[in-house]
Amino acid sequence: MRKVLLVLCLALCPLQAWAAGYGVYEWSARGNALGGAMVARDADPSSVAYNPAAITDLEGAQIQMGATAIAPTAKMTSNTPGKRDAEFSDSIWGLPTFYYTQQLSDNYWFGFGMFSRVGLGTDYKGTDTWPGKYNCSYAAIHSVSLNPNLAMKLTDELSVAFGLDATYLRFMYDTTLPTDEMQQIDADGWAYGLNLGARYKPYDWLAFGVAWRSEMQLTVNGNVDFSKNGVHTSTGDVRGTEPIPESITFGVMVKPFDKLSLEADAVWTRWSAYNTLVINYDPALPVLGLEKVSSEKNWKNTWRFQFGAEYALTDSIDLRAGYVYDQTPVDDAHEDYAVPCSDRQIASTGIGWKINEAWVLDASYSYLWMTDREYEARSGGIYDSTREDAHAHMAGLSLTYKF
């Protein structure tokens, strides 16, 4: 059973997130189309991720599987004579999801989700000639959260939920040392946390939602390989800690008329938990003789604002649109090449098709863009440069079956 679970985790690990920090919010096609504004509105199985208290809307048993494909791009322009420009590697990355909900009685529901709270993929073209290789050539966070929940309907208007979160994370990081040796780190581990949700719907046209997810300090253990001029030189063990930050989402949904629902959310994320990245080496780093290397982060807490509109065009077709403004947790003094982020915006649209009483198909398209950012030369491999034209196309698809 443990082997089967690990295979499922690896199969569902996301390969990339183009996010503020390394947070992930692409949890379903419907949610993507609505800008993630799902904490208060009427539920589908993906509400396990957005606000599990809402699954008390769902009758019987339901299952949903889906994925979001992300195609990011950006250009790093050198402001330093003799330094080369670089672009992020052209790739399409995937974020799979899976949800199951089951009504247990008139007052209790069970929900289970497999999705990702964090993820990262940064890959620079032409590693050998990339001038920022002393800071980062490749960085990736692959993760999956296993999230069982129990939701309870306390009254006809108020529902609450409690859940457990087990997150598997794999961390990979390639950089070149001052000795011109390349190090390639590959480490993984598990962390555990909690989540709570509540939804209050006093009228058919008005609902309020809140969802909280706890911080998890995740320790990863793995290997580091060193090479020089393409020749492997040594191998060692590494250990480090990566935070999955606490977050809380507030939202309100209104229906101006029966066919149209509007929702506005605010998401607060405690990115200040990411103060320092510390990597411990055993044995010590070759030549340098260091057993521990630390990098100051000092990220700040952020807000994400998201808006979504859903219109029932017919009994079987729903039209959707959304908008997101997402603050960056990284200031100019701590911006690096591993997690290139700045304030970002997302515009999204999508459609839902009720094929019949049992099947529902949702599709979404989102366009993400980030503000340009200037890097000033400093220690740690950062040189004078500008990140320009950072954007991504995102397409999502989800299929729901109602038993």
Protein backbone atom coordinates (compact mmCIF):
# COMPACT_ATOMS: atom_id res chain seq x y z
CA MET A 1 0.00 0.00 0.00
CA ARG A 2 2.82 2.40 0.85
CA LYS A 3 4.41 1.82 -2.57
CA VAL A 4 1.10 2.46 -4.32
CA LEU A 5 0.65 5.70 -2.37
CA LEU A 6 4.15 6.90 -3.25
CA VAL A 7 3.56 6.18 -6.95
CA LEU A 8 0.33 8.19 -6.83
CA CYS A 9 2.13 11.07 -5.09
CA LEU A 10 4.87 11.17 -7.70
CA ALA A 11 2.37 10.94 -10.55
CA LEU A 12 0.46 13.92 -9.17
CA CYS A 13 3.49 16.05 -8.27
CA PRO A 14 3.32 19.36 -10.14
CA LEU A 15 6.29 20.27 -12.28
CA GLN A 16 5.97 24.03 -12.18
CA ALA A 17 4.21 27.00 -10.74
CA TRP A 18 4.58 30.54 -12.07
CA ALA A 19 3.61 32.09 -8.75
CA ALA A 20 4.14 34.88 -6.28
CA GLY A 21 6.75 33.14 -4.15
CA TYR A 22 6.26 29.44 -4.80
CA GLY A 23 2.58 29.21 -3.84
CA VAL A 24 0.15 27.29 -6.06
CA TYR A 25 -3.54 28.16 -6.47
CA GLU A 26 -4.46 26.31 -9.68
CA TRP A 27 -6.69 23.66 -8.07
CA SER A 28 -9.38 23.10 -10.73
CA ALA A 29 -10.52 24.34 -14.13
CA ARG A 30 -13.61 25.97 -12.63
CA GLY A 31 -11.52 27.62 -9.91
CA ASN A 32 -8.96 28.82 -12.47
CA ALA A 33 -11.68 30.41 -14.61
CA LEU A 34 -13.07 32.20 -11.54
CA GLY A 35 -9.66 33.53 -10.48
CA GLY A 36 -9.68 31.15 -7.52
CA ALA A 37 -12.72 32.92 -6.00
CA MET A 38 -14.31 29.74 -4.62
CA VAL A 39 -14.27 30.07 -0.82
CA ALA A 40 -17.92 31.21 -0.51
CA ARG A 41 -19.69 30.09 -3.68
CA ASP A 42 -21.69 26.95 -4.42
CA ALA A 43 -19.44 23.89 -4.33
CA ASP A 44 -18.03 21.27 -6.64
CA PRO A 45 -15.56 18.54 -5.53
CA SER A 46 -12.58 20.91 -5.83
CA SER A 47 -14.03 22.88 -2.90
CA VAL A 48 -12.02 20.41 -0.79
CA ALA A 49 -9.00 22.58 -1.70
CA TYR A 50 -10.69 26.00 -1.68
CA ASN A 51 -13.03 25.61 1.33
CA PRO A 52 -14.08 22.10 2.42
CA ALA A 53 -16.98 23.49 4.45
CA ALA A 54 -18.79 24.10 1.15
CA ILE A 55 -18.93 20.39 0.22
CA THR A 56 -22.11 20.13 2.31
CA ASP A 57 -23.75 21.36 -0.94
CA LEU A 58 -22.92 18.07 -2.68
CA GLU A 59 -25.32 15.14 -2.67
CA GLY A 60 -24.20 11.51 -2.76
CA ALA A 61 -20.67 10.76 -3.97
CA GLN A 62 -18.70 12.74 -6.52
CA ILE A 63 -15.24 12.41 -8.03
CA GLN A 64 -13.23 14.93 -10.03
CA MET A 65 -9.93 14.64 -11.90
CA GLY A 66 -8.18 17.42 -13.77
CA ALA A 67 -4.98 19.22 -14.66
CA THR A 68 -3.67 22.65 -15.54
CA ALA A 69 -0.98 23.04 -18.21
CA ILE A 70 1.34 26.04 -17.80
CA ALA A 71 3.57 27.50 -20.52
CA PRO A 72 5.77 30.24 -18.97
CA THR A 73 8.36 32.47 -20.58
CA ALA A 74 10.57 35.44 -19.64
CA LYS A 75 13.81 37.09 -20.68
CA MET A 76 16.75 38.07 -18.51
CA THR A 77 18.58 41.05 -20.05
CA SER A 78 22.11 41.82 -18.91
CA ASN A 79 22.96 45.36 -17.82
CA THR A 80 26.61 44.36 -17.39
CA PRO A 81 29.13 44.55 -20.25
CA GLY A 82 30.30 41.12 -21.35
CA LYS A 83 27.38 39.27 -19.78
CA ARG A 84 24.98 37.28 -21.95
CA ASP A 85 21.20 37.59 -22.02
CA ALA A 86 19.18 34.49 -21.13
CA GLU A 87 15.65 33.13 -21.44
CA PHE A 88 13.78 30.62 -19.38
CA SER A 89 13.66 27.21 -21.01
CA ASP A 90 10.57 26.68 -23.17
CA SER A 91 8.51 24.02 -21.43
CA ILE A 92 4.95 23.07 -20.68
CA TRP A 93 4.46 22.04 -17.08
CA GLY A 94 1.53 20.23 -15.49
CA LEU A 95 -0.46 20.57 -12.25
CA PRO A 96 -2.75 17.51 -11.79
CA THR A 97 -5.59 17.36 -9.23
CA PHE A 98 -7.93 14.73 -7.79
CA TYR A 99 -10.96 15.08 -5.47
CA TYR A 100 -13.56 12.79 -3.93
CA THR A 101 -16.56 13.76 -1.81
CA GLN A 102 -19.09 11.53 -0.03
CA GLN A 103 -22.23 12.49 1.84
CA LEU A 104 -22.25 10.39 5.03
CA SER A 105 -25.58 11.57 6.45
CA ASP A 106 -27.86 14.61 6.52
CA ASN A 107 -25.26 16.47 8.56
CA TYR A 108 -21.81 14.98 7.74
CA TRP A 109 -19.68 14.84 4.58
CA PHE A 110 -16.24 13.41 3.82
CA GLY A 111 -13.90 15.01 1.31
CA PHE A 112 -10.46 14.03 0.05
CA GLY A 113 -8.13 16.02 -2.19
CA MET A 114 -4.78 15.52 -3.91
CA PHE A 115 -3.46 18.89 -5.08
CA SER A 116 -0.47 21.18 -4.57
CA ARG A 117 -0.03 24.14 -2.25
CA VAL A 118 3.51 24.90 -3.46
CA GLY A 119 5.55 24.35 -6.60
CA LEU A 120 8.38 25.87 -8.60
CA GLY A 121 10.19 25.40 -11.89
CA THR A 122 13.01 27.70 -13.01
CA ASP A 123 15.21 26.49 -15.86
CA TYR A 124 17.62 28.77 -17.72
CA LYS A 125 18.71 28.07 -21.27
CA GLY A 126 22.39 27.57 -21.96
CA THR A 127 23.55 26.73 -18.43
CA ASP A 128 27.24 26.86 -19.40
CA THR A 129 26.99 30.45 -20.66
CA TRP A 130 24.31 31.69 -18.24
CA PRO A 131 26.07 34.38 -16.16
CA GLY A 132 23.74 33.86 -13.21
CA LYS A 133 24.78 30.22 -12.80
CA TYR A 134 26.64 31.07 -9.56
CA ASN A 135 23.23 31.85 -8.07
CA CYS A 136 20.98 29.35 -9.85
CA SER A 137 20.85 27.33 -13.08
CA TYR A 138 17.83 25.20 -12.20
CA ALA A 139 15.41 25.14 -9.28
CA ALA A 140 12.32 22.98 -8.77
CA ILE A 141 9.82 22.19 -6.06
CA HIS A 142 7.55 19.24 -6.81
CA SER A 143 4.85 18.68 -4.19
CA VAL A 144 1.52 17.02 -3.53
CA SER A 145 -0.82 17.46 -0.58
CA LEU A 146 -3.05 14.61 0.62
CA ASN A 147 -5.97 16.31 2.36
CA PRO A 148 -8.84 14.35 4.02
CA ASN A 149 -11.64 16.50 5.51
CA LEU A 150 -14.79 16.09 7.58
CA ALA A 151 -17.47 18.73 6.91
CA MET A 152 -20.48 19.29 9.16
CA LYS A 153 -23.72 21.15 8.54
CA LEU A 154 -24.46 22.81 11.89
CA THR A 155 -27.58 24.58 10.61
CA ASP A 156 -29.18 25.07 7.20
CA GLU A 157 -27.10 28.27 6.89
CA LEU A 158 -23.78 27.35 8.56
CA SER A 159 -21.26 24.62 7.69
CA VAL A 160 -17.77 23.99 9.09
CA ALA A 161 -14.92 21.61 8.19
CA PHE A 162 -11.74 20.21 9.69
CA GLY A 163 -8.92 18.52 7.74
CA LEU A 164 -5.46 17.01 7.92
CA ASP A 165 -2.72 17.83 5.42
CA ALA A 166 0.15 15.47 4.57
CA THR A 167 2.46 17.08 2.01
CA TYR A 168 5.28 15.37 0.10
CA LEU A 169 7.87 17.72 -1.37
CA ARG A 170 10.86 17.15 -3.62
CA PHE A 171 13.46 19.94 -3.84
CA MET A 172 16.02 20.20 -6.66
CA TYR A 173 18.61 22.93 -7.05
CA ASP A 174 21.55 23.32 -9.44
CA THR A 175 24.15 26.03 -9.05
CA THR A 176 27.85 26.59 -9.69
CA LEU A 177 30.21 27.07 -6.74
CA PRO A 178 32.93 29.76 -6.70
CA THR A 179 35.38 26.90 -7.41
CA ASP A 180 33.54 26.39 -10.77
CA GLU A 181 32.21 23.05 -9.58
CA MET A 182 28.55 22.45 -10.33
CA GLN A 183 26.44 21.11 -7.48
CA GLN A 184 23.13 19.34 -8.12
CA ILE A 185 20.91 18.88 -5.06
CA ASP A 186 18.00 16.42 -5.00
CA ALA A 187 16.17 16.00 -1.66
CA ASP A 188 12.68 15.18 -0.45
CA GLY A 189 10.54 14.81 2.67
CA TRP A 190 7.08 14.93 4.26
CA ALA A 191 5.34 17.54 6.42
CA TYR A 192 2.01 17.54 8.26
CA GLY A 193 -0.51 20.24 9.05
CA LEU A 194 -4.15 21.16 9.60
CA ASN A 195 -6.87 23.12 7.86
CA LEU A 196 -10.21 24.62 8.89
CA GLY A 197 -13.11 26.03 6.88
CA ALA A 198 -16.49 27.67 7.44
CA ARG A 199 -19.28 28.94 5.20
CA TYR A 200 -22.32 30.94 6.21
CA LYS A 201 -25.14 31.31 3.68
CA PRO A 202 -28.02 33.27 5.25
CA TYR A 203 -29.80 33.74 1.91
CA ASP A 204 -29.72 32.06 -1.50
CA TRP A 205 -28.18 35.25 -2.91
CA LEU A 206 -25.53 35.85 -0.20
CA ALA A 207 -22.75 33.70 1.30
CA PHE A 208 -19.56 34.22 3.31
CA GLY A 209 -16.58 31.88 3.47
CA VAL A 210 -13.30 31.54 5.34
CA ALA A 211 -10.57 28.90 4.97
CA TRP A 212 -7.33 28.51 6.96
CA ARG A 213 -4.34 26.29 6.23
CA SER A 214 -1.52 25.88 8.73
CA GLU A 215 2.17 26.49 8.26
CA MET A 216 4.38 23.43 7.78
CA GLN A 217 8.16 23.44 8.22
CA LEU A 218 9.26 20.67 5.89
CA THR A 219 12.69 19.07 6.29
CA VAL A 220 14.11 17.43 3.18
CA ASN A 221 16.99 14.95 3.03
CA GLY A 222 18.82 13.78 -0.06
CA ASN A 223 21.98 13.78 -2.14
CA VAL A 224 24.27 16.34 -3.74
CA ASP A 225 26.48 15.54 -6.74
CA PHE A 226 29.48 17.63 -7.74
CA SER A 227 31.05 17.83 -11.19
CA LYS A 228 33.59 19.95 -13.01
CA ASN A 229 33.91 20.33 -16.78
CA GLY A 230 31.28 17.60 -17.14
CA VAL A 231 33.22 15.10 -15.00
CA HIS A 232 31.68 13.81 -11.76
CA THR A 233 33.95 14.55 -8.79
CA SER A 234 32.11 13.60 -5.58
CA THR A 235 28.80 12.88 -3.86
CA GLY A 236 27.45 13.78 -0.43
CA ASP A 237 24.34 14.03 1.73
CA VAL A 238 22.30 17.20 2.23
CA ARG A 239 19.55 18.35 4.56
CA GLY A 240 17.48 21.52 4.54
CA THR A 241 14.17 23.02 5.67
CA GLU A 242 11.58 24.65 3.42
CA PRO A 243 8.40 26.32 4.81
CA ILE A 244 4.93 25.81 3.41
CA PRO A 245 3.39 29.04 4.70
CA GLU A 246 0.21 29.56 6.67
CA SER A 247 -2.64 31.14 4.71
CA ILE A 248 -6.16 32.37 5.36
CA THR A 249 -8.79 33.23 2.74
CA PHE A 250 -11.86 35.41 3.23
CA GLY A 251 -14.63 35.68 0.64
CA VAL A 252 -18.14 36.92 -0.03
CA MET A 253 -20.46 35.75 -2.81
CA VAL A 254 -23.55 37.62 -4.04
CA LYS A 255 -26.14 36.78 -6.70
CA PRO A 256 -27.59 39.98 -8.21
CA PHE A 257 -30.05 37.69 -9.97
CA ASP A 258 -30.56 33.92 -10.19
CA LYS A 259 -28.26 33.24 -13.15
CA LEU A 260 -25.29 35.39 -12.06
CA SER A 261 -22.98 34.91 -9.07
CA LEU A 262 -20.13 37.26 -8.16
CA GLU A 263 -17.41 36.62 -5.59
CA ALA A 264 -14.53 38.63 -4.15
CA ASP A 265 -11.79 37.02 -2.01
CA ALA A 266 -8.71 38.15 -0.14
CA VAL A 267 -5.93 35.66 0.64
CA TRP A 268 -3.32 36.45 3.30
CA THR A 269 -0.13 34.36 3.22
CA ARG A 270 2.50 34.36 5.97
CA TRP A 271 5.58 34.30 3.74
CA SER A 272 7.63 35.82 6.60
CA ALA A 273 8.12 32.20 7.71
CA TYR A 274 10.79 32.03 4.97
CA ASN A 275 13.63 33.86 6.71
CA THR A 276 16.67 31.82 5.68
CA LEU A 277 17.44 28.88 3.44
CA VAL A 278 19.98 26.66 5.21
CA ILE A 279 21.58 23.64 3.52
CA ASN A 280 23.67 21.24 5.62
CA TYR A 281 26.36 19.14 3.89
CA ASP A 282 27.89 15.83 4.93
CA PRO A 283 30.77 15.69 4.18
CA ALA A 284 31.63 19.38 3.98
CA LEU A 285 31.64 21.17 0.63
CA PRO A 286 34.72 20.24 -1.45
CA VAL A 287 37.57 22.77 -1.32
CA LEU A 288 35.42 25.34 0.53
CA GLY A 289 35.20 23.12 3.62
CA LEU A 290 31.76 24.41 4.67
CA GLU A 291 29.36 22.10 6.50
CA LYS A 292 26.49 24.59 6.30
CA VAL A 293 25.53 27.25 3.76
CA SER A 294 22.79 29.77 4.55
CA SER A 295 21.07 32.27 2.29
CA GLU A 296 19.09 35.17 3.74
CA LYS A 297 15.52 35.42 2.36
CA ASN A 298 13.50 37.69 4.69
CA TRP A 299 10.33 37.37 2.66
CA LYS A 300 7.31 39.46 3.67
CA ASN A 301 3.65 38.60 4.20
CA THR A 302 1.42 39.19 1.19
CA TRP A 303 -2.17 39.65 0.01
CA ARG A 304 -3.76 38.10 -3.05
CA PHE A 305 -7.05 39.59 -4.29
CA GLN A 306 -9.25 37.49 -6.55
CA PHE A 307 -12.59 38.06 -8.26
CA GLY A 308 -14.86 35.67 -10.13
CA ALA A 309 -18.15 35.81 -12.05
CA GLU A 310 -20.26 32.83 -13.14
CA TYR A 311 -23.29 33.10 -15.43
CA ALA A 312 -25.73 30.27 -16.20
CA LEU A 313 -26.23 30.75 -19.93
CA THR A 314 -28.49 27.67 -20.15
CA ASP A 315 -29.40 24.78 -17.88
CA SER A 316 -26.26 22.96 -19.08
CA ILE A 317 -23.75 25.76 -19.89
CA ASP A 318 -22.02 28.09 -17.41
CA LEU A 319 -19.79 30.97 -18.51
CA ARG A 320 -17.02 32.19 -16.20
CA ALA A 321 -14.46 34.98 -15.87
CA GLY A 322 -11.94 35.97 -13.23
CA TYR A 323 -9.17 38.36 -12.25
CA VAL A 324 -6.29 38.09 -9.73
CA TYR A 325 -3.82 40.58 -8.30
CA ASP A 326 -1.04 38.81 -6.39
CA GLN A 327 1.64 40.61 -4.37
CA THR A 328 5.24 39.40 -4.38
CA PRO A 329 6.79 38.44 -1.03
CA VAL A 330 10.32 39.26 -2.24
CA ASP A 331 11.84 42.75 -2.05
CA ASP A 332 14.60 44.07 -4.31
CA ALA A 333 17.34 43.31 -1.79
CA HIS A 334 16.49 39.60 -1.67
CA GLU A 335 15.31 38.84 -5.21
CA ASP A 336 17.30 36.00 -6.79
CA TYR A 337 17.26 33.84 -9.92
CA ALA A 338 15.92 30.70 -8.23
CA VAL A 339 12.49 32.18 -7.43
CA PRO A 340 12.04 35.03 -9.93
CA CYS A 341 8.87 36.80 -8.85
CA SER A 342 7.24 40.21 -8.73
CA ASP A 343 3.67 41.46 -8.47
CA ARG A 344 1.55 39.51 -10.93
CA GLN A 345 -1.91 39.68 -12.45
CA ILE A 346 -4.10 37.00 -14.02
CA ALA A 347 -7.08 37.36 -16.34
CA SER A 348 -9.10 34.19 -16.85
CA THR A 349 -12.15 32.77 -18.58
CA GLY A 350 -13.82 29.40 -18.87
CA ILE A 351 -16.88 27.30 -19.45
CA GLY A 352 -18.72 24.53 -17.63
CA TRP A 353 -20.77 21.92 -19.49
CA LYS A 354 -23.24 19.66 -17.70
CA ILE A 355 -23.10 16.78 -20.17
CA ASN A 356 -25.90 14.91 -18.36
CA GLU A 357 -27.03 14.22 -14.78
CA ALA A 358 -23.77 12.37 -14.02
CA TRP A 359 -20.99 14.12 -15.96
CA VAL A 360 -19.66 17.69 -15.87
CA LEU A 361 -16.77 19.02 -17.97
CA ASP A 362 -15.00 22.29 -17.04
CA ALA A 363 -12.40 24.13 -19.11
CA SER A 364 -10.39 27.29 -18.43
CA TYR A 365 -7.83 29.60 -19.98
CA SER A 366 -5.76 32.11 -18.00
CA TYR A 367 -3.14 34.66 -19.00
CA LEU A 368 -0.62 35.66 -16.33
CA TRP A 369 1.80 38.57 -16.48
CA MET A 370 4.38 39.91 -14.05
CA THR A 371 5.94 43.35 -13.69
CA ASP A 372 9.51 43.73 -14.95
CA ARG A 373 12.20 43.65 -12.27
CA GLU A 374 15.65 45.18 -11.93
CA TYR A 375 18.46 43.24 -10.24
CA GLU A 376 21.38 45.12 -8.71
CA ALA A 377 24.72 43.31 -8.46
CA ARG A 378 25.42 41.82 -5.04
CA SER A 379 27.09 38.85 -3.43
CA GLY A 380 25.56 35.45 -4.07
CA GLY A 381 25.93 35.46 -7.84
CA ILE A 382 23.48 38.29 -8.69
CA TYR A 383 24.61 40.67 -11.44
CA ASP A 384 23.09 43.86 -12.89
CA SER A 385 20.20 42.60 -14.99
CA THR A 386 16.53 43.06 -15.84
CA ARG A 387 13.81 40.43 -16.03
CA GLU A 388 11.42 41.37 -18.83
CA ASP A 389 8.23 40.12 -20.44
CA ALA A 390 7.50 37.43 -17.82
CA HIS A 391 4.16 35.86 -18.66
CA ALA A 392 2.44 32.49 -18.89
CA HIS A 393 -0.46 30.84 -20.68
CA MET A 394 -2.46 28.39 -18.53
CA ALA A 395 -5.11 25.95 -19.72
CA GLY A 396 -7.16 23.79 -17.35
CA LEU A 397 -9.51 20.85 -17.77
CA SER A 398 -11.55 19.01 -15.12
CA LEU A 399 -14.04 16.15 -15.38
CA THR A 400 -16.56 15.42 -12.61
CA TYR A 401 -18.64 12.28 -12.16
CA LYS A 402 -21.62 12.15 -9.80
CA PHE A 403 -22.48 8.66 -8.52
